[in-house]
């Protein structure tokens, strides 16, 4: 187990170095990605700040609590941008051009390689900004108990797994259908559900976002770990839904590979 972990860590370090070198070849694009992400953060903050000028609460949270929610959202979204988005966006091209053949031939997990072949190093800057904003918002909470960050860090891996597996599921459809780019828009619409606090939805929708389509784990559940007393149900469910999602994603990946026709066929 230790040798396998060491192999993947070494592979990851190589991916970071090569990705950084590749990104710096297009420095204007590198800078624009940082700028556009920061602009997106600013627009999200501005939208909620305007809303709070007309209402004291949105769902269950006031202005300061909502800022914490945004801080959590920015961190999770930055991690998604760093590790997942670029690989998922390029998956259809790999299938269409036959590049997936070379990945399947490598002596490592094909799901791992196709999912984390490229690291978006430009988004590391956005991650640092997101962490700084998050710490600032938490410090603004009156009487905040810092030990709650433990529960927050416990749930964050589940947030990333939920985003990764849900996006990976829709990406795998490229192996079954000839053209499924339009299907990817379904994932973006699902992801948007997690960009808002789950308390604004109807109880039935909220339950679905915790179970069947667990997009509440994107930001709402981690935020509740900070703002509210520890919820045993949410903590236990987060420890279940993460490994279960990874297991199901691997099964679906293997199933979809049966439909893949290589470039040489």
Protein backbone atom coordinates (compact mmCIF):
# COMPACT_ATOMS: atom_id res chain seq x y z
CA UNK A 1 0.00 0.00 0.00
CA UNK A 2 2.83 2.37 0.90
CA UNK A 3 4.60 1.64 -2.39
CA UNK A 4 1.42 2.32 -4.38
CA UNK A 5 0.89 5.61 -2.53
CA UNK A 6 4.50 6.61 -3.11
CA UNK A 7 4.16 5.84 -6.83
CA UNK A 8 1.07 8.04 -7.19
CA UNK A 9 2.64 10.88 -5.19
CA UNK A 10 5.70 10.79 -7.42
CA UNK A 11 3.47 10.75 -10.49
CA UNK A 12 1.51 13.70 -9.12
CA UNK A 13 4.66 15.75 -8.53
CA UNK A 14 5.73 15.10 -12.13
CA UNK A 15 2.31 16.19 -13.38
CA UNK A 16 2.53 19.47 -11.45
CA UNK A 17 5.97 20.28 -12.86
CA UNK A 18 5.11 19.44 -16.44
CA UNK A 19 1.77 21.26 -16.23
CA UNK A 20 3.42 24.40 -14.87
CA UNK A 21 5.99 24.40 -17.67
CA UNK A 22 3.25 23.90 -20.27
CA UNK A 23 1.07 26.67 -18.82
CA UNK A 24 3.93 29.18 -18.85
CA UNK A 25 4.32 28.71 -22.60
CA UNK A 26 1.16 30.82 -22.94
CA UNK A 27 1.66 33.48 -20.29
CA UNK A 28 -1.14 35.76 -21.47
CA UNK A 29 -3.63 32.92 -21.17
CA UNK A 30 -2.10 32.04 -17.79
CA UNK A 31 -2.75 35.59 -16.52
CA UNK A 32 -6.23 35.81 -18.07
CA UNK A 33 -7.35 32.65 -16.29
CA UNK A 34 -6.35 34.14 -12.96
CA UNK A 35 -8.09 37.42 -13.77
CA UNK A 36 -11.36 35.83 -14.96
CA UNK A 37 -11.60 33.63 -11.86
CA UNK A 38 -11.03 36.61 -9.58
CA UNK A 39 -13.70 38.51 -11.52
CA UNK A 40 -16.11 35.60 -10.97
CA UNK A 41 -15.39 35.72 -7.22
CA UNK A 42 -16.06 39.46 -7.18
CA UNK A 43 -19.38 39.08 -9.02
CA UNK A 44 -20.53 36.36 -6.60
CA UNK A 45 -19.72 38.53 -3.60
CA UNK A 46 -21.34 41.59 -5.16
CA UNK A 47 -24.54 39.68 -5.97
CA UNK A 48 -25.08 38.54 -2.39
CA UNK A 49 -24.07 41.89 -0.91
CA UNK A 50 -26.74 43.59 -3.02
CA UNK A 51 -29.36 41.03 -1.96
CA UNK A 52 -28.58 41.61 1.71
CA UNK A 53 -29.36 45.29 1.27
CA UNK A 54 -33.01 44.22 0.88
CA UNK A 55 -33.29 41.24 3.25
CA UNK A 56 -31.61 40.29 6.56
CA UNK A 57 -31.53 36.57 5.78
CA UNK A 58 -31.11 34.34 2.74
CA UNK A 59 -32.30 30.90 3.74
CA UNK A 60 -30.96 30.43 7.26
CA UNK A 61 -27.90 32.67 7.01
CA UNK A 62 -27.21 36.35 7.52
CA UNK A 63 -24.69 38.50 5.65
CA UNK A 64 -21.61 37.37 7.60
CA UNK A 65 -22.58 33.70 7.46
CA UNK A 66 -23.17 33.97 3.73
CA UNK A 67 -19.68 35.37 3.31
CA UNK A 68 -18.34 32.22 4.96
CA UNK A 69 -20.40 30.18 2.50
CA UNK A 70 -18.81 32.08 -0.37
CA UNK A 71 -15.36 31.52 1.09
CA UNK A 72 -16.01 27.78 1.24
CA UNK A 73 -17.41 27.83 -2.30
CA UNK A 74 -14.34 29.65 -3.63
CA UNK A 75 -11.98 27.13 -2.05
CA UNK A 76 -13.85 24.11 -3.39
CA UNK A 77 -14.26 25.67 -6.83
CA UNK A 78 -10.55 26.57 -6.95
CA UNK A 79 -9.58 22.99 -6.14
CA UNK A 80 -11.97 21.81 -8.84
CA UNK A 81 -10.34 24.20 -11.30
CA UNK A 82 -6.84 23.02 -10.36
CA UNK A 83 -7.35 19.27 -10.54
CA UNK A 84 -10.52 18.40 -12.44
CA UNK A 85 -11.95 20.90 -14.91
CA UNK A 86 -9.27 20.99 -17.60
CA UNK A 87 -9.02 17.19 -17.75
CA UNK A 88 -12.80 16.83 -17.94
CA UNK A 89 -13.04 19.46 -20.66
CA UNK A 90 -10.45 17.65 -22.78
CA UNK A 91 -11.87 14.17 -22.31
CA UNK A 92 -14.12 14.30 -25.40
CA UNK A 93 -11.14 15.27 -27.57
CA UNK A 94 -9.10 12.37 -26.19
CA UNK A 95 -11.86 9.96 -27.18
CA UNK A 96 -12.43 11.50 -30.60
CA UNK A 97 -8.73 11.73 -31.53
CA UNK A 98 -7.79 8.33 -30.15
CA UNK A 99 -5.49 9.72 -27.43
CA UNK A 100 -7.30 7.53 -24.92
CA UNK A 101 -5.54 4.51 -26.49
CA UNK A 102 -2.19 5.64 -25.06
CA UNK A 103 -3.70 6.20 -21.61
CA UNK A 104 -5.28 2.75 -21.53
CA UNK A 105 -1.93 1.20 -22.45
CA UNK A 106 -0.10 2.71 -19.46
CA UNK A 107 0.57 0.46 -16.41
CA UNK A 108 -1.41 2.69 -14.04
CA UNK A 109 -5.08 3.25 -13.32
CA UNK A 110 -6.65 4.52 -16.52
CA UNK A 111 -9.31 6.41 -14.55
CA UNK A 112 -6.62 8.19 -12.57
CA UNK A 113 -4.63 9.11 -15.67
CA UNK A 114 -7.60 10.38 -17.65
CA UNK A 115 -8.84 12.36 -14.64
CA UNK A 116 -5.60 13.96 -13.45
CA UNK A 117 -3.32 14.05 -16.48
CA UNK A 118 -3.10 17.86 -16.42
CA UNK A 119 -2.95 20.28 -13.50
CA UNK A 120 -4.21 23.83 -14.02
CA UNK A 121 -1.36 25.59 -12.25
CA UNK A 122 -2.79 29.05 -12.94
CA UNK A 123 -5.62 28.27 -10.53
CA UNK A 124 -3.20 27.84 -7.61
CA UNK A 125 -3.18 31.63 -7.32
CA UNK A 126 -6.96 31.66 -7.12
CA UNK A 127 -6.82 28.98 -4.45
CA UNK A 128 -4.56 31.16 -2.29
CA UNK A 129 -6.94 34.11 -2.73
CA UNK A 130 -9.91 31.89 -1.84
CA UNK A 131 -8.20 30.63 1.32
CA UNK A 132 -7.36 34.20 2.37
CA UNK A 133 -10.96 35.32 1.83
CA UNK A 134 -12.27 32.30 3.73
CA UNK A 135 -10.04 32.97 6.76
CA UNK A 136 -11.08 36.62 6.72
CA UNK A 137 -14.80 35.76 6.73
CA UNK A 138 -14.39 33.21 9.51
CA UNK A 139 -12.48 35.73 11.63
CA UNK A 140 -15.43 38.13 11.27
CA UNK A 141 -17.80 35.69 12.99
CA UNK A 142 -18.52 36.70 16.57
CA UNK A 143 -17.57 34.02 19.08
CA UNK A 144 -16.42 31.56 16.43
CA UNK A 145 -15.12 28.26 17.80
CA UNK A 146 -12.05 27.40 15.79
CA UNK A 147 -12.22 23.68 16.57
CA UNK A 148 -15.09 23.47 14.06
CA UNK A 149 -12.51 23.73 11.31
CA UNK A 150 -11.72 20.08 12.09
CA UNK A 151 -15.19 19.04 10.92
CA UNK A 152 -14.81 21.34 7.94
CA UNK A 153 -11.59 19.67 6.80
CA UNK A 154 -13.20 16.28 7.39
CA UNK A 155 -16.00 17.05 4.92
CA UNK A 156 -14.02 18.95 2.25
CA UNK A 157 -12.61 15.75 0.62
CA UNK A 158 -16.19 14.57 0.14
CA UNK A 159 -17.02 17.86 -1.56
CA UNK A 160 -14.25 17.35 -4.11
CA UNK A 161 -15.16 13.70 -4.63
CA UNK A 162 -18.79 14.61 -5.30
CA UNK A 163 -17.78 17.22 -7.88
CA UNK A 164 -15.25 14.90 -9.50
CA UNK A 165 -17.47 11.82 -9.72
CA UNK A 166 -20.50 13.74 -10.97
CA UNK A 167 -18.44 15.40 -13.72
CA UNK A 168 -16.68 12.12 -14.49
CA UNK A 169 -20.03 10.36 -14.91
CA UNK A 170 -21.11 12.78 -17.63
CA UNK A 171 -17.65 12.67 -19.24
CA UNK A 172 -17.84 8.89 -19.53
CA UNK A 173 -20.91 9.27 -21.73
CA UNK A 174 -18.49 10.33 -24.48
CA UNK A 175 -17.49 6.67 -24.68
CA UNK A 176 -21.05 5.58 -25.41
CA UNK A 177 -22.36 8.35 -27.64
CA UNK A 178 -20.61 9.70 -30.71
CA UNK A 179 -21.18 13.33 -29.72
CA UNK A 180 -22.28 14.16 -26.19
CA UNK A 181 -21.02 17.70 -25.69
CA UNK A 182 -24.58 18.86 -25.05
CA UNK A 183 -24.85 16.34 -22.23
CA UNK A 184 -22.11 18.21 -20.39
CA UNK A 185 -24.45 21.17 -20.00
CA UNK A 186 -26.61 18.94 -17.80
CA UNK A 187 -23.69 18.64 -15.40
CA UNK A 188 -23.15 22.40 -15.33
CA UNK A 189 -26.80 22.90 -14.43
CA UNK A 190 -26.50 20.31 -11.66
CA UNK A 191 -23.33 21.98 -10.40
CA UNK A 192 -25.10 25.35 -10.26
CA UNK A 193 -27.47 23.88 -7.67
CA UNK A 194 -24.50 23.57 -5.31
CA UNK A 195 -23.45 27.18 -5.85
CA UNK A 196 -26.35 28.38 -3.70
CA UNK A 197 -27.15 27.54 -0.05
CA UNK A 198 -29.35 24.45 0.10
CA UNK A 199 -31.70 26.09 2.63
CA UNK A 200 -33.29 28.14 -0.18
CA UNK A 201 -34.69 25.00 -1.83
CA UNK A 202 -37.90 23.13 -1.05
CA UNK A 203 -37.48 20.26 1.51
CA UNK A 204 -37.83 17.59 -1.20
CA UNK A 205 -35.22 19.25 -3.42
CA UNK A 206 -32.94 19.72 -0.42
CA UNK A 207 -33.20 15.99 0.37
CA UNK A 208 -32.32 15.09 -3.22
CA UNK A 209 -29.30 17.40 -3.08
CA UNK A 210 -28.09 15.51 -0.01
CA UNK A 211 -28.64 11.98 -1.32
CA UNK A 212 -29.38 11.18 -4.95
CA UNK A 213 -27.62 14.24 -6.40
CA UNK A 214 -25.43 15.32 -3.46
CA UNK A 215 -24.56 18.80 -4.69
CA UNK A 216 -25.17 20.22 -1.21
CA UNK A 217 -21.74 18.85 -0.38
CA UNK A 218 -20.17 21.35 -2.78
CA UNK A 219 -20.41 24.20 -0.27
CA UNK A 220 -23.54 24.06 1.92
CA UNK A 221 -22.59 21.05 4.05
CA UNK A 222 -18.97 22.19 4.68
CA UNK A 223 -20.31 25.62 5.64
CA UNK A 224 -22.72 24.05 8.12
CA UNK A 225 -19.76 22.31 9.74
CA UNK A 226 -18.43 25.80 10.54
CA UNK A 227 -21.58 27.73 11.37
CA UNK A 228 -23.59 25.09 13.22
CA UNK A 229 -22.93 22.45 15.90
CA UNK A 230 -21.59 19.16 14.48
CA UNK A 231 -24.36 17.20 12.75
CA UNK A 232 -23.71 13.50 13.25
CA UNK A 233 -25.93 12.54 10.31
CA UNK A 234 -24.11 14.82 7.87
CA UNK A 235 -20.67 13.75 9.09
CA UNK A 236 -21.47 10.04 8.83
CA UNK A 237 -23.16 10.47 5.46
CA UNK A 238 -20.17 12.40 4.13
CA UNK A 239 -17.90 9.49 5.11
CA UNK A 240 -20.20 7.14 3.19
CA UNK A 241 -21.07 9.12 0.08
CA UNK A 242 -17.42 9.87 -0.78
CA UNK A 243 -16.06 6.30 -1.03
CA UNK A 244 -19.37 5.10 -2.49
CA UNK A 245 -19.22 7.71 -5.25
CA UNK A 246 -15.64 6.74 -6.14
CA UNK A 247 -16.56 3.06 -6.24
CA UNK A 248 -19.59 3.66 -8.46
CA UNK A 249 -17.59 5.95 -10.77
CA UNK A 250 -15.02 3.19 -11.33
CA UNK A 251 -17.74 0.66 -12.09
CA UNK A 252 -19.34 3.05 -14.57
CA UNK A 253 -15.94 3.78 -16.15
CA UNK A 254 -15.30 0.09 -16.74
CA UNK A 255 -18.78 -0.33 -18.15
CA UNK A 256 -18.40 2.58 -20.58
CA UNK A 257 -15.02 1.28 -21.79
CA UNK A 258 -16.86 -1.64 -23.36
CA UNK A 259 -18.31 0.80 -25.89
CA UNK A 260 -14.99 2.47 -26.70
CA UNK A 261 -13.60 1.86 -30.16
CA UNK A 262 -9.96 2.79 -30.45
CA UNK A 263 -8.50 5.01 -33.15
CA UNK A 264 -7.12 1.98 -34.96
CA UNK A 265 -10.49 0.24 -35.26
